[in-house]
Amino acid sequence: MPINNIQDLTKEQLVEFVTDLSKRWLAHDGLWFQAVEKKRGMEEAIEADAAAWEKFTVIEANRIKQFLNLPEQGGLKALDQALRFRLYAFINQQETIWEGPNKLVFRMINCRVQNARERKKMPFFPCKPVGIVEYSGFAKTIDPRIKTRCICCPPDQPEEGCYCAWEFTLED
């Protein structure tokens, strides 16, 4: 039976399609970044990337929040759920670890970007400045009471078993 529209896809095909769409998005993000880096240098490319992520992370969080029908102040439980529906979640291996009722740690175990750079014998991409904007903006959009702290992210030395790690806390 030919596939003429999305309604014709099986559940397995839909999952495969979402994964493929996520890879396409990441490819575009990387190509965009490389074009700016080539024309303006790494520092300006990171500044432009941070500016784009400042807006995109809010859009992504709001759309996930709406899709999952998350409450306005859903706390860390809502954040944990939302992190599982980011585009990254479909193409990278990640985990969340509860370190008490008011502390959630997110770890990126396998990252397509950093894995590719390792394979090419390139240094890690220094994504920390962008990551701070991205993860803190995402968490605050899910619940403005959430505080974000970077545990490690390149150019920092990665922790054992992950490329980056982020701590989210919610004060009572």
C-alpha atoms as a PDB file:
ATOM      1  CA  MET A   1       0.000   0.000   0.000  1.00  0.00           C
ATOM      2  CA  PRO A   2       1.540   3.365  -0.987  1.00  0.00           C
ATOM      3  CA  ILE A   3       2.156   6.006   1.648  1.00  0.00           C
ATOM      4  CA  ASN A   4       0.381   9.173   0.521  1.00  0.00           C
ATOM      5  CA  ASN A   5       0.115  11.068   3.802  1.00  0.00           C
ATOM      6  CA  ILE A   6       1.038  10.841   7.454  1.00  0.00           C
ATOM      7  CA  GLN A   7      -2.232   9.096   8.336  1.00  0.00           C
ATOM      8  CA  ASP A   8      -1.060   6.087   6.282  1.00  0.00           C
ATOM      9  CA  LEU A   9       1.935   5.469   8.562  1.00  0.00           C
ATOM     10  CA  THR A  10       2.041   2.713  11.159  1.00  0.00           C
ATOM     11  CA  LYS A  11       3.101   3.512  14.732  1.00  0.00           C
ATOM     12  CA  GLU A  12       6.594   2.188  13.976  1.00  0.00           C
ATOM     13  CA  GLN A  13       6.822   4.306  10.821  1.00  0.00           C
ATOM     14  CA  LEU A  14       5.683   7.382  12.764  1.00  0.00           C
ATOM     15  CA  VAL A  15       8.427   6.853  15.350  1.00  0.00           C
ATOM     16  CA  GLU A  16      10.965   6.409  12.542  1.00  0.00           C
ATOM     17  CA  PHE A  17       9.635   9.552  10.848  1.00  0.00           C
ATOM     18  CA  VAL A  18       9.919  11.644  14.034  1.00  0.00           C
ATOM     19  CA  THR A  19      13.500  10.426  14.465  1.00  0.00           C
ATOM     20  CA  ASP A  20      14.302  11.313  10.865  1.00  0.00           C
ATOM     21  CA  LEU A  21      12.730  14.769  11.240  1.00  0.00           C
ATOM     22  CA  SER A  22      14.864  15.333  14.338  1.00  0.00           C
ATOM     23  CA  LYS A  23      18.006  14.384  12.395  1.00  0.00           C
ATOM     24  CA  ARG A  24      17.022  16.787   9.601  1.00  0.00           C
ATOM     25  CA  TRP A  25      16.547  19.575  12.155  1.00  0.00           C
ATOM     26  CA  LEU A  26      19.951  18.912  13.711  1.00  0.00           C
ATOM     27  CA  ALA A  27      21.607  18.797  10.280  1.00  0.00           C
ATOM     28  CA  HIS A  28      20.125  22.189   9.427  1.00  0.00           C
ATOM     29  CA  ASP A  29      21.228  23.596  12.789  1.00  0.00           C
ATOM     30  CA  GLY A  30      24.771  22.372  12.173  1.00  0.00           C
ATOM     31  CA  LEU A  31      24.942  23.630   8.595  1.00  0.00           C
ATOM     32  CA  TRP A  32      23.597  27.025   9.643  1.00  0.00           C
ATOM     33  CA  PHE A  33      26.190  27.232  12.398  1.00  0.00           C
ATOM     34  CA  GLN A  34      29.051  26.210  10.086  1.00  0.00           C
ATOM     35  CA  ALA A  35      28.033  28.839   7.511  1.00  0.00           C
ATOM     36  CA  VAL A  36      28.150  31.599  10.146  1.00  0.00           C
ATOM     37  CA  GLU A  37      31.407  30.226  11.562  1.00  0.00           C
ATOM     38  CA  LYS A  38      33.014  30.203   8.098  1.00  0.00           C
ATOM     39  CA  LYS A  39      31.954  33.781   7.385  1.00  0.00           C
ATOM     40  CA  ARG A  40      32.329  35.347  10.859  1.00  0.00           C
ATOM     41  CA  GLY A  41      34.414  32.996  13.009  1.00  0.00           C
ATOM     42  CA  MET A  42      33.629  30.750  15.962  1.00  0.00           C
ATOM     43  CA  GLU A  43      32.982  33.502  18.518  1.00  0.00           C
ATOM     44  CA  GLU A  44      30.347  35.283  16.398  1.00  0.00           C
ATOM     45  CA  ALA A  45      28.800  31.964  15.372  1.00  0.00           C
ATOM     46  CA  ILE A  46      28.364  31.010  19.040  1.00  0.00           C
ATOM     47  CA  GLU A  47      26.844  34.447  19.787  1.00  0.00           C
ATOM     48  CA  ALA A  48      24.379  34.020  16.897  1.00  0.00           C
ATOM     49  CA  ASP A  49      23.639  30.451  17.960  1.00  0.00           C
ATOM     50  CA  ALA A  50      22.896  31.574  21.533  1.00  0.00           C
ATOM     51  CA  ALA A  51      20.564  34.295  20.220  1.00  0.00           C
ATOM     52  CA  ALA A  52      18.700  31.758  18.075  1.00  0.00           C
ATOM     53  CA  TRP A  53      18.482  29.228  20.939  1.00  0.00           C
ATOM     54  CA  GLU A  54      17.210  31.900  23.311  1.00  0.00           C
ATOM     55  CA  LYS A  55      14.099  32.114  21.134  1.00  0.00           C
ATOM     56  CA  PHE A  56      13.865  28.519  19.884  1.00  0.00           C
ATOM     57  CA  THR A  57      14.093  26.876  23.317  1.00  0.00           C
ATOM     58  CA  VAL A  58      11.052  28.892  24.469  1.00  0.00           C
ATOM     59  CA  ILE A  59       9.110  27.913  21.340  1.00  0.00           C
ATOM     60  CA  GLU A  60      10.036  24.258  21.767  1.00  0.00           C
ATOM     61  CA  ALA A  61       9.174  24.236  25.492  1.00  0.00           C
ATOM     62  CA  ASN A  62       5.832  25.976  24.942  1.00  0.00           C
ATOM     63  CA  ARG A  63       4.850  23.600  22.139  1.00  0.00           C
ATOM     64  CA  ILE A  64       5.786  20.556  24.244  1.00  0.00           C
ATOM     65  CA  LYS A  65       3.962  22.032  27.238  1.00  0.00           C
ATOM     66  CA  GLN A  66       0.846  22.508  25.124  1.00  0.00           C
ATOM     67  CA  PHE A  67       1.121  19.086  23.455  1.00  0.00           C
ATOM     68  CA  LEU A  68       1.490  17.291  26.807  1.00  0.00           C
ATOM     69  CA  ASN A  69      -1.027  19.586  28.503  1.00  0.00           C
ATOM     70  CA  LEU A  70       1.460  20.385  31.269  1.00  0.00           C
ATOM     71  CA  PRO A  71       0.361  22.743  34.056  1.00  0.00           C
ATOM     72  CA  GLU A  72       1.798  26.277  34.314  1.00  0.00           C
ATOM     73  CA  GLN A  73       3.814  25.453  37.433  1.00  0.00           C
ATOM     74  CA  GLY A  74       4.335  21.744  36.942  1.00  0.00           C
ATOM     75  CA  GLY A  75       7.729  21.819  38.629  1.00  0.00           C
ATOM     76  CA  LEU A  76      10.467  19.314  38.030  1.00  0.00           C
ATOM     77  CA  LYS A  77       8.055  16.497  37.171  1.00  0.00           C
ATOM     78  CA  ALA A  78       6.767  18.538  34.231  1.00  0.00           C
ATOM     79  CA  LEU A  79      10.339  19.360  33.208  1.00  0.00           C
ATOM     80  CA  ASP A  80      11.345  15.691  33.377  1.00  0.00           C
ATOM     81  CA  GLN A  81       8.425  14.798  31.116  1.00  0.00           C
ATOM     82  CA  ALA A  82       9.079  17.702  28.711  1.00  0.00           C
ATOM     83  CA  LEU A  83      12.776  16.837  28.318  1.00  0.00           C
ATOM     84  CA  ARG A  84      11.696  13.454  26.937  1.00  0.00           C
ATOM     85  CA  PHE A  85       9.870  15.191  24.057  1.00  0.00           C
ATOM     86  CA  ARG A  86      12.583  17.579  22.874  1.00  0.00           C
ATOM     87  CA  LEU A  87      13.919  17.000  19.373  1.00  0.00           C
ATOM     88  CA  TYR A  88      17.207  15.897  20.951  1.00  0.00           C
ATOM     89  CA  ALA A  89      15.451  13.104  22.822  1.00  0.00           C
ATOM     90  CA  PHE A  90      14.711  11.259  19.585  1.00  0.00           C
ATOM     91  CA  ILE A  91      18.316  11.215  18.350  1.00  0.00           C
ATOM     92  CA  ASN A  92      20.557  11.376  21.431  1.00  0.00           C
ATOM     93  CA  GLN A  93      20.755   9.083  24.430  1.00  0.00           C
ATOM     94  CA  GLN A  94      19.902  10.993  27.588  1.00  0.00           C
ATOM     95  CA  GLU A  95      18.815  10.301  31.143  1.00  0.00           C
ATOM     96  CA  THR A  96      17.290  12.097  34.083  1.00  0.00           C
ATOM     97  CA  ILE A  97      18.229  11.265  37.649  1.00  0.00           C
ATOM     98  CA  TRP A  98      16.218  12.373  40.669  1.00  0.00           C
ATOM     99  CA  GLU A  99      18.502  13.448  43.512  1.00  0.00           C
ATOM    100  CA  GLY A 100      15.693  14.262  45.901  1.00  0.00           C
ATOM    101  CA  PRO A 101      12.254  15.806  45.479  1.00  0.00           C
ATOM    102  CA  ASN A 102      13.657  19.223  44.500  1.00  0.00           C
ATOM    103  CA  LYS A 103      16.654  18.257  42.359  1.00  0.00           C
ATOM    104  CA  LEU A 104      16.704  16.701  38.895  1.00  0.00           C
ATOM    105  CA  VAL A 105      19.900  15.997  36.950  1.00  0.00           C
ATOM    106  CA  PHE A 106      19.794  15.691  33.169  1.00  0.00           C
ATOM    107  CA  ARG A 107      22.708  13.913  31.463  1.00  0.00           C
ATOM    108  CA  MET A 108      23.414  13.702  27.737  1.00  0.00           C
ATOM    109  CA  ILE A 109      25.005  10.268  27.458  1.00  0.00           C
ATOM    110  CA  ASN A 110      25.395  10.165  23.680  1.00  0.00           C
ATOM    111  CA  CYS A 111      25.356  13.359  21.643  1.00  0.00           C
ATOM    112  CA  ARG A 112      25.294  13.138  17.850  1.00  0.00           C
ATOM    113  CA  VAL A 113      27.279  16.366  17.511  1.00  0.00           C
ATOM    114  CA  GLN A 114      30.061  15.407  19.924  1.00  0.00           C
ATOM    115  CA  ASN A 115      30.145  11.778  18.708  1.00  0.00           C
ATOM    116  CA  ALA A 116      30.699  12.983  15.130  1.00  0.00           C
ATOM    117  CA  ARG A 117      33.495  15.314  16.228  1.00  0.00           C
ATOM    118  CA  GLU A 118      35.173  12.499  18.163  1.00  0.00           C
ATOM    119  CA  ARG A 119      34.998  10.208  15.121  1.00  0.00           C
ATOM    120  CA  LYS A 120      36.652  12.938  13.036  1.00  0.00           C
ATOM    121  CA  LYS A 121      39.360  13.426  15.707  1.00  0.00           C
ATOM    122  CA  MET A 122      38.150  16.976  16.279  1.00  0.00           C
ATOM    123  CA  PRO A 123      37.991  18.728  19.649  1.00  0.00           C
ATOM    124  CA  PHE A 124      34.605  18.813  21.370  1.00  0.00           C
ATOM    125  CA  PHE A 125      32.294  21.567  20.224  1.00  0.00           C
ATOM    126  CA  PRO A 126      32.298  24.225  22.991  1.00  0.00           C
ATOM    127  CA  CYS A 127      28.530  24.302  23.458  1.00  0.00           C
ATOM    128  CA  LYS A 128      28.407  25.463  27.106  1.00  0.00           C
ATOM    129  CA  PRO A 129      27.548  29.139  26.415  1.00  0.00           C
ATOM    130  CA  VAL A 130      24.679  28.081  24.159  1.00  0.00           C
ATOM    131  CA  GLY A 131      23.673  25.274  26.524  1.00  0.00           C
ATOM    132  CA  ILE A 132      23.284  27.686  29.428  1.00  0.00           C
ATOM    133  CA  VAL A 133      20.880  29.785  27.366  1.00  0.00           C
ATOM    134  CA  GLU A 134      19.098  26.719  25.993  1.00  0.00           C
ATOM    135  CA  TYR A 135      18.603  24.644  29.135  1.00  0.00           C
ATOM    136  CA  SER A 136      17.836  27.503  31.509  1.00  0.00           C
ATOM    137  CA  GLY A 137      15.376  29.000  29.000  1.00  0.00           C
ATOM    138  CA  PHE A 138      13.685  25.646  28.431  1.00  0.00           C
ATOM    139  CA  ALA A 139      13.333  24.958  32.173  1.00  0.00           C
ATOM    140  CA  LYS A 140      12.045  28.474  32.960  1.00  0.00           C
ATOM    141  CA  THR A 141       9.447  28.159  30.206  1.00  0.00           C
ATOM    142  CA  ILE A 142       8.198  24.901  31.694  1.00  0.00           C
ATOM    143  CA  ASP A 143       8.127  26.473  35.173  1.00  0.00           C
ATOM    144  CA  PRO A 144       9.632  29.908  35.957  1.00  0.00           C
ATOM    145  CA  ARG A 145      10.588  28.741  39.464  1.00  0.00           C
ATOM    146  CA  ILE A 146      13.153  26.223  38.156  1.00  0.00           C
ATOM    147  CA  LYS A 147      16.824  27.131  38.540  1.00  0.00           C
ATOM    148  CA  THR A 148      19.420  25.638  36.189  1.00  0.00           C
ATOM    149  CA  ARG A 149      23.087  24.939  36.868  1.00  0.00           C
ATOM    150  CA  CYS A 150      25.608  23.510  34.435  1.00  0.00           C
ATOM    151  CA  ILE A 151      27.441  20.572  35.984  1.00  0.00           C
ATOM    152  CA  CYS A 152      29.636  20.058  32.920  1.00  0.00           C
ATOM    153  CA  CYS A 153      29.477  20.906  29.232  1.00  0.00           C
ATOM    154  CA  PRO A 154      32.271  21.327  26.663  1.00  0.00           C
ATOM    155  CA  PRO A 155      34.664  23.063  26.750  1.00  0.00           C
ATOM    156  CA  ASP A 156      34.552  21.632  30.318  1.00  0.00           C
ATOM    157  CA  GLN A 157      35.881  18.117  30.663  1.00  0.00           C
ATOM    158  CA  PRO A 158      32.873  15.776  30.379  1.00  0.00           C
ATOM    159  CA  GLU A 159      31.856  13.718  33.392  1.00  0.00           C
ATOM    160  CA  GLU A 160      32.326   9.964  33.231  1.00  0.00           C
ATOM    161  CA  GLY A 161      29.622   8.508  30.991  1.00  0.00           C
ATOM    162  CA  CYS A 162      28.164  11.716  29.558  1.00  0.00           C
ATOM    163  CA  TYR A 163      28.995  14.702  27.393  1.00  0.00           C
ATOM    164  CA  CYS A 164      27.092  17.268  29.422  1.00  0.00           C
ATOM    165  CA  ALA A 165      25.062  17.371  32.608  1.00  0.00           C
ATOM    166  CA  TRP A 166      22.609  19.926  33.965  1.00  0.00           C
ATOM    167  CA  GLU A 167      21.088  20.313  37.413  1.00  0.00           C
ATOM    168  CA  PHE A 168      17.564  21.630  37.863  1.00  0.00           C
ATOM    169  CA  THR A 169      16.286  22.666  41.266  1.00  0.00           C
ATOM    170  CA  LEU A 170      12.996  23.938  42.568  1.00  0.00           C
ATOM    171  CA  GLU A 171      12.846  25.748  45.860  1.00  0.00           C
ATOM    172  CA  ASP A 172       9.673  25.385  47.908  1.00  0.00           C
END
